[in-house]
Amino acid sequence: MSTAVKLSSELVSDASINGKAQHRSTPKQIEYWARIGKIADENPDLPLGFIKGILVGIEEVKAGDVSDYKFG
């Protein structure tokens, strides 16, 4: 589902620049920021790097790139 929303030109410009550096479209960059912001808001004690690691881990599982962890 898509919905039209009004965003500041500054936010769109920043998303465009950052999105190009990350190989994302402007809308996908804004979605990415919103997703990270939502997770951070719901989990204020988690550092940004940890949140990003979780998101990478989720995508690795979806891609089947997993292995058993060996303790010790």
PDB file of N, CA and C in Angstrom:
ATOM      1  N   MET A   1       0.838  -1.171   0.000  1.00  0.00           N
ATOM      2  CA  MET A   1       0.000   0.000   0.000  1.00  0.00           C
ATOM      3  C   MET A   1       0.884   1.236   0.000  1.00  0.00           C
ATOM      4  N   SER A   2       0.576   2.157  -0.821  1.00  0.00           N
ATOM      5  CA  SER A   2       1.321   3.404  -0.828  1.00  0.00           C
ATOM      6  C   SER A   2       0.371   4.558  -0.521  1.00  0.00           C
ATOM      7  N   THR A   3       0.930   5.550   0.150  1.00  0.00           N
ATOM      8  CA  THR A   3       0.165   6.721   0.539  1.00  0.00           C
ATOM      9  C   THR A   3       1.012   7.945   0.270  1.00  0.00           C
ATOM     10  N   ALA A   4       0.410   8.952  -0.295  1.00  0.00           N
ATOM     11  CA  ALA A   4       1.128  10.202  -0.533  1.00  0.00           C
ATOM     12  C   ALA A   4       1.201  10.989   0.771  1.00  0.00           C
ATOM     13  N   VAL A   5       2.394  11.449   1.100  1.00  0.00           N
ATOM     14  CA  VAL A   5       2.586  12.290   2.286  1.00  0.00           C
ATOM     15  C   VAL A   5       3.435  13.484   1.905  1.00  0.00           C
ATOM     16  N   LYS A   6       3.259  14.572   2.623  1.00  0.00           N
ATOM     17  CA  LYS A   6       4.077  15.758   2.384  1.00  0.00           C
ATOM     18  C   LYS A   6       5.297  15.700   3.288  1.00  0.00           C
ATOM     19  N   LEU A   7       6.461  15.832   2.697  1.00  0.00           N
ATOM     20  CA  LEU A   7       7.723  15.830   3.426  1.00  0.00           C
ATOM     21  C   LEU A   7       8.477  17.100   3.090  1.00  0.00           C
ATOM     22  N   SER A   8       9.302  17.541   4.003  1.00  0.00           N
ATOM     23  CA  SER A   8      10.089  18.738   3.738  1.00  0.00           C
ATOM     24  C   SER A   8      11.087  18.467   2.610  1.00  0.00           C
ATOM     25  N   SER A   9      11.380  19.503   1.861  1.00  0.00           N
ATOM     26  CA  SER A   9      12.340  19.344   0.765  1.00  0.00           C
ATOM     27  C   SER A   9      13.721  19.007   1.315  1.00  0.00           C
ATOM     28  N   GLU A  10      14.019  19.469   2.522  1.00  0.00           N
ATOM     29  CA  GLU A  10      15.313  19.161   3.138  1.00  0.00           C
ATOM     30  C   GLU A  10      15.434  17.663   3.431  1.00  0.00           C
ATOM     31  N   LEU A  11      14.376  17.056   3.977  1.00  0.00           N
ATOM     32  CA  LEU A  11      14.396  15.626   4.258  1.00  0.00           C
ATOM     33  C   LEU A  11      14.538  14.825   2.966  1.00  0.00           C
ATOM     34  N   VAL A  12      13.794  15.206   1.943  1.00  0.00           N
ATOM     35  CA  VAL A  12      13.852  14.497   0.663  1.00  0.00           C
ATOM     36  C   VAL A  12      15.237  14.634   0.047  1.00  0.00           C
ATOM     37  N   SER A  13      15.825  15.815   0.134  1.00  0.00           N
ATOM     38  CA  SER A  13      17.167  16.029  -0.401  1.00  0.00           C
ATOM     39  C   SER A  13      18.195  15.183   0.353  1.00  0.00           C
ATOM     40  N   ASP A  14      18.114  15.192   1.693  1.00  0.00           N
ATOM     41  CA  ASP A  14      19.035  14.375   2.496  1.00  0.00           C
ATOM     42  C   ASP A  14      18.869  12.893   2.178  1.00  0.00           C
ATOM     43  N   ALA A  15      17.615  12.448   2.027  1.00  0.00           N
ATOM     44  CA  ALA A  15      17.360  11.039   1.715  1.00  0.00           C
ATOM     45  C   ALA A  15      17.895  10.683   0.339  1.00  0.00           C
ATOM     46  N   SER A  16      17.793  11.598  -0.594  1.00  0.00           N
ATOM     47  CA  SER A  16      18.299  11.358  -1.939  1.00  0.00           C
ATOM     48  C   SER A  16      19.814  11.178  -1.928  1.00  0.00           C
ATOM     49  N   ILE A  17      20.502  12.054  -1.229  1.00  0.00           N
ATOM     50  CA  ILE A  17      21.966  11.994  -1.146  1.00  0.00           C
ATOM     51  C   ILE A  17      22.409  10.720  -0.436  1.00  0.00           C
ATOM     52  N   ASN A  18      21.828  10.462   0.732  1.00  0.00           N
ATOM     53  CA  ASN A  18      22.198   9.270   1.495  1.00  0.00           C
ATOM     54  C   ASN A  18      21.783   7.998   0.770  1.00  0.00           C
ATOM     55  N   GLY A  19      20.641   8.029   0.128  1.00  0.00           N
ATOM     56  CA  GLY A  19      20.168   6.867  -0.623  1.00  0.00           C
ATOM     57  C   GLY A  19      21.110   6.499  -1.753  1.00  0.00           C
ATOM     58  N   LYS A  20      21.607   7.495  -2.469  1.00  0.00           N
ATOM     59  CA  LYS A  20      22.553   7.213  -3.565  1.00  0.00           C
ATOM     60  C   LYS A  20      23.815   6.550  -3.028  1.00  0.00           C
ATOM     61  N   ALA A  21      24.279   7.013  -1.887  1.00  0.00           N
ATOM     62  CA  ALA A  21      25.484   6.433  -1.289  1.00  0.00           C
ATOM     63  C   ALA A  21      25.245   4.994  -0.835  1.00  0.00           C
ATOM     64  N   GLN A  22      23.996   4.668  -0.500  1.00  0.00           N
ATOM     65  CA  GLN A  22      23.658   3.339   0.001  1.00  0.00           C
ATOM     66  C   GLN A  22      22.965   2.482  -1.066  1.00  0.00           C
ATOM     67  N   HIS A  23      22.911   2.991  -2.293  1.00  0.00           N
ATOM     68  CA  HIS A  23      22.275   2.290  -3.416  1.00  0.00           C
ATOM     69  C   HIS A  23      20.788   2.040  -3.161  1.00  0.00           C
ATOM     70  N   ARG A  24      20.108   3.055  -2.601  1.00  0.00           N
ATOM     71  CA  ARG A  24      18.672   2.994  -2.367  1.00  0.00           C
ATOM     72  C   ARG A  24      18.009   4.174  -3.066  1.00  0.00           C
ATOM     73  N   SER A  25      16.764   3.982  -3.471  1.00  0.00           N
ATOM     74  CA  SER A  25      15.989   5.100  -4.002  1.00  0.00           C
ATOM     75  C   SER A  25      15.650   6.041  -2.844  1.00  0.00           C
ATOM     76  N   THR A  26      15.229   7.243  -3.176  1.00  0.00           N
ATOM     77  CA  THR A  26      14.859   8.199  -2.137  1.00  0.00           C
ATOM     78  C   THR A  26      13.733   7.657  -1.250  1.00  0.00           C
ATOM     79  N   PRO A  27      12.655   7.105  -1.821  1.00  0.00           N
ATOM     80  CA  PRO A  27      11.607   6.554  -0.950  1.00  0.00           C
ATOM     81  C   PRO A  27      12.103   5.390  -0.082  1.00  0.00           C
ATOM     82  N   LYS A  28      12.939   4.531  -0.629  1.00  0.00           N
ATOM     83  CA  LYS A  28      13.463   3.407   0.149  1.00  0.00           C
ATOM     84  C   LYS A  28      14.368   3.891   1.282  1.00  0.00           C
ATOM     85  N   GLN A  29      15.120   4.970   1.046  1.00  0.00           N
ATOM     86  CA  GLN A  29      15.972   5.529   2.101  1.00  0.00           C
ATOM     87  C   GLN A  29      15.104   6.071   3.230  1.00  0.00           C
ATOM     88  N   ILE A  30      14.025   6.756   2.887  1.00  0.00           N
ATOM     89  CA  ILE A  30      13.124   7.283   3.913  1.00  0.00           C
ATOM     90  C   ILE A  30      12.478   6.130   4.680  1.00  0.00           C
ATOM     91  N   GLU A  31      12.067   5.067   3.979  1.00  0.00           N
ATOM     92  CA  GLU A  31      11.516   3.889   4.650  1.00  0.00           C
ATOM     93  C   GLU A  31      12.549   3.275   5.597  1.00  0.00           C
ATOM     94  N   TYR A  32      13.806   3.206   5.166  1.00  0.00           N
ATOM     95  CA  TYR A  32      14.882   2.653   5.990  1.00  0.00           C
ATOM     96  C   TYR A  32      15.051   3.481   7.263  1.00  0.00           C
ATOM     97  N   TRP A  33      15.110   4.799   7.103  1.00  0.00           N
ATOM     98  CA  TRP A  33      15.245   5.668   8.270  1.00  0.00           C
ATOM     99  C   TRP A  33      14.052   5.506   9.208  1.00  0.00           C
ATOM    100  N   ALA A  34      12.861   5.408   8.645  1.00  0.00           N
ATOM    101  CA  ALA A  34      11.660   5.241   9.468  1.00  0.00           C
ATOM    102  C   ALA A  34      11.705   3.924  10.224  1.00  0.00           C
ATOM    103  N   ARG A  35      12.158   2.875   9.565  1.00  0.00           N
ATOM    104  CA  ARG A  35      12.235   1.564  10.216  1.00  0.00           C
ATOM    105  C   ARG A  35      13.226   1.595  11.377  1.00  0.00           C
ATOM    106  N   ILE A  36      14.404   2.163  11.134  1.00  0.00           N
ATOM    107  CA  ILE A  36      15.407   2.265  12.197  1.00  0.00           C
ATOM    108  C   ILE A  36      14.897   3.166  13.325  1.00  0.00           C
ATOM    109  N   GLY A  37      14.267   4.257  12.973  1.00  0.00           N
ATOM    110  CA  GLY A  37      13.728   5.162  13.982  1.00  0.00           C
ATOM    111  C   GLY A  37      12.662   4.503  14.836  1.00  0.00           C
ATOM    112  N   LYS A  38      11.797   3.709  14.224  1.00  0.00           N
ATOM    113  CA  LYS A  38      10.748   3.004  14.954  1.00  0.00           C
ATOM    114  C   LYS A  38      11.370   2.002  15.927  1.00  0.00           C
ATOM    115  N   ILE A  39      12.351   1.235  15.452  1.00  0.00           N
ATOM    116  CA  ILE A  39      13.018   0.261  16.314  1.00  0.00           C
ATOM    117  C   ILE A  39      13.721   0.976  17.475  1.00  0.00           C
ATOM    118  N   ALA A  40      14.404   2.066  17.177  1.00  0.00           N
ATOM    119  CA  ALA A  40      15.118   2.815  18.219  1.00  0.00           C
ATOM    120  C   ALA A  40      14.140   3.409  19.227  1.00  0.00           C
ATOM    121  N   ASP A  41      12.995   3.881  18.755  1.00  0.00           N
ATOM    122  CA  ASP A  41      11.989   4.447  19.648  1.00  0.00           C
ATOM    123  C   ASP A  41      11.403   3.377  20.575  1.00  0.00           C
ATOM    124  N   GLU A  42      11.205   2.184  20.035  1.00  0.00           N
ATOM    125  CA  GLU A  42      10.642   1.088  20.824  1.00  0.00           C
ATOM    126  C   GLU A  42      11.683   0.436  21.738  1.00  0.00           C
ATOM    127  N   ASN A  43      12.969   0.621  21.439  1.00  0.00           N
ATOM    128  CA  ASN A  43      14.063   0.000  22.196  1.00  0.00           C
ATOM    129  C   ASN A  43      15.145   1.038  22.485  1.00  0.00           C
ATOM    130  N   PRO A  44      14.868   1.998  23.356  1.00  0.00           N
ATOM    131  CA  PRO A  44      15.798   3.118  23.549  1.00  0.00           C
ATOM    132  C   PRO A  44      17.168   2.736  24.095  1.00  0.00           C
ATOM    133  N   ASP A  45      17.303   1.541  24.642  1.00  0.00           N
ATOM    134  CA  ASP A  45      18.600   1.131  25.203  1.00  0.00           C
ATOM    135  C   ASP A  45      19.517   0.487  24.170  1.00  0.00           C
ATOM    136  N   LEU A  46      19.024   0.217  22.970  1.00  0.00           N
ATOM    137  CA  LEU A  46      19.851  -0.430  21.951  1.00  0.00           C
ATOM    138  C   LEU A  46      20.646   0.604  21.161  1.00  0.00           C
ATOM    139  N   PRO A  47      21.945   0.394  21.011  1.00  0.00           N
ATOM    140  CA  PRO A  47      22.749   1.299  20.179  1.00  0.00           C
ATOM    141  C   PRO A  47      22.409   1.101  18.693  1.00  0.00           C
ATOM    142  N   LEU A  48      22.635   2.143  17.908  1.00  0.00           N
ATOM    143  CA  LEU A  48      22.330   2.102  16.481  1.00  0.00           C
ATOM    144  C   LEU A  48      23.040   0.953  15.781  1.00  0.00           C
ATOM    145  N   GLY A  49      24.295   0.722  16.096  1.00  0.00           N
ATOM    146  CA  GLY A  49      25.048  -0.364  15.466  1.00  0.00           C
ATOM    147  C   GLY A  49      24.415  -1.723  15.732  1.00  0.00           C
ATOM    148  N   PHE A  50      23.879  -1.903  16.928  1.00  0.00           N
ATOM    149  CA  PHE A  50      23.222  -3.160  17.277  1.00  0.00           C
ATOM    150  C   PHE A  50      21.937  -3.325  16.471  1.00  0.00           C
ATOM    151  N   ILE A  51      21.181  -2.237  16.327  1.00  0.00           N
ATOM    152  CA  ILE A  51      19.947  -2.274  15.533  1.00  0.00           C
ATOM    153  C   ILE A  51      20.262  -2.640  14.089  1.00  0.00           C
ATOM    154  N   LYS A  52      21.281  -2.006  13.525  1.00  0.00           N
ATOM    155  CA  LYS A  52      21.666  -2.323  12.144  1.00  0.00           C
ATOM    156  C   LYS A  52      22.101  -3.778  12.024  1.00  0.00           C
ATOM    157  N   GLY A  53      22.829  -4.277  13.021  1.00  0.00           N
ATOM    158  CA  GLY A  53      23.247  -5.679  13.017  1.00  0.00           C
ATOM    159  C   GLY A  53      22.065  -6.629  13.035  1.00  0.00           C
ATOM    160  N   ILE A  54      21.046  -6.299  13.810  1.00  0.00           N
ATOM    161  CA  ILE A  54      19.830  -7.109  13.845  1.00  0.00           C
ATOM    162  C   ILE A  54      19.176  -7.139  12.469  1.00  0.00           C
ATOM    163  N   LEU A  55      19.070  -5.982  11.818  1.00  0.00           N
ATOM    164  CA  LEU A  55      18.447  -5.922  10.495  1.00  0.00           C
ATOM    165  C   LEU A  55      19.237  -6.731   9.466  1.00  0.00           C
ATOM    166  N   VAL A  56      20.557  -6.681   9.541  1.00  0.00           N
ATOM    167  CA  VAL A  56      21.390  -7.494   8.645  1.00  0.00           C
ATOM    168  C   VAL A  56      21.162  -8.972   8.934  1.00  0.00           C
ATOM    169  N   GLY A  57      21.117  -9.326  10.210  1.00  0.00           N
ATOM    170  CA  GLY A  57      20.882 -10.716  10.590  1.00  0.00           C
ATOM    171  C   GLY A  57      19.549 -11.238  10.071  1.00  0.00           C
ATOM    172  N   ILE A  58      18.520 -10.426  10.142  1.00  0.00           N
ATOM    173  CA  ILE A  58      17.203 -10.823   9.626  1.00  0.00           C
ATOM    174  C   ILE A  58      17.293 -11.118   8.132  1.00  0.00           C
ATOM    175  N   GLU A  59      17.977 -10.261   7.387  1.00  0.00           N
ATOM    176  CA  GLU A  59      18.104 -10.459   5.939  1.00  0.00           C
ATOM    177  C   GLU A  59      18.957 -11.684   5.625  1.00  0.00           C
ATOM    178  N   GLU A  60      19.976 -11.961   6.450  1.00  0.00           N
ATOM    179  CA  GLU A  60      20.795 -13.162   6.258  1.00  0.00           C
ATOM    180  C   GLU A  60      19.950 -14.422   6.445  1.00  0.00           C
ATOM    181  N   VAL A  61      19.105 -14.427   7.450  1.00  0.00           N
ATOM    182  CA  VAL A  61      18.225 -15.582   7.677  1.00  0.00           C
ATOM    183  C   VAL A  61      17.281 -15.763   6.491  1.00  0.00           C
ATOM    184  N   LYS A  62      16.704 -14.667   5.999  1.00  0.00           N
ATOM    185  CA  LYS A  62      15.800 -14.743   4.843  1.00  0.00           C
ATOM    186  C   LYS A  62      16.515 -15.319   3.622  1.00  0.00           C
ATOM    187  N   ALA A  63      17.801 -15.005   3.483  1.00  0.00           N
ATOM    188  CA  ALA A  63      18.585 -15.480   2.338  1.00  0.00           C
ATOM    189  C   ALA A  63      19.138 -16.879   2.557  1.00  0.00           C
ATOM    190  N   GLY A  64      18.922 -17.440   3.741  1.00  0.00           N
ATOM    191  CA  GLY A  64      19.437 -18.784   4.035  1.00  0.00           C
ATOM    192  C   GLY A  64      20.909 -18.813   4.386  1.00  0.00           C
ATOM    193  N   ASP A  65      21.487 -17.652   4.649  1.00  0.00           N
ATOM    194  CA  ASP A  65      22.916 -17.560   4.973  1.00  0.00           C
ATOM    195  C   ASP A  65      23.097 -17.663   6.492  1.00  0.00           C
ATOM    196  N   VAL A  66      22.877 -18.872   7.015  1.00  0.00           N
ATOM    197  CA  VAL A  66      22.983 -19.097   8.457  1.00  0.00           C
ATOM    198  C   VAL A  66      23.814 -20.343   8.732  1.00  0.00           C
ATOM    199  N   SER A  67      24.365 -20.406   9.908  1.00  0.00           N
ATOM    200  CA  SER A  67      25.087 -21.608  10.351  1.00  0.00           C
ATOM    201  C   SER A  67      24.915 -21.722  11.853  1.00  0.00           C
ATOM    202  N   ASP A  68      25.133 -22.914  12.370  1.00  0.00           N
ATOM    203  CA  ASP A  68      25.028 -23.140  13.808  1.00  0.00           C
ATOM    204  C   ASP A  68      26.152 -22.418  14.524  1.00  0.00           C
ATOM    205  N   TYR A  69      25.822 -21.835  15.666  1.00  0.00           N
ATOM    206  CA  TYR A  69      26.829 -21.187  16.498  1.00  0.00           C
ATOM    207  C   TYR A  69      27.401 -22.215  17.459  1.00  0.00           C
ATOM    208  N   LYS A  70      28.714 -22.281  17.535  1.00  0.00           N
ATOM    209  CA  LYS A  70      29.380 -23.211  18.432  1.00  0.00           C
ATOM    210  C   LYS A  70      29.907 -22.439  19.627  1.00  0.00           C
ATOM    211  N   PHE A  71      29.418 -22.769  20.812  1.00  0.00           N
ATOM    212  CA  PHE A  71      29.861 -22.114  22.035  1.00  0.00           C
ATOM    213  C   PHE A  71      31.223 -22.668  22.457  1.00  0.00           C
ATOM    214  N   GLY A  72      32.038 -21.769  23.025  1.00  0.00           N
ATOM    215  CA  GLY A  72      33.314 -22.201  23.578  1.00  0.00           C
ATOM    216  C   GLY A  72      34.339 -22.306  22.587  1.00  0.00           C
TER     217      GLY A  72
END
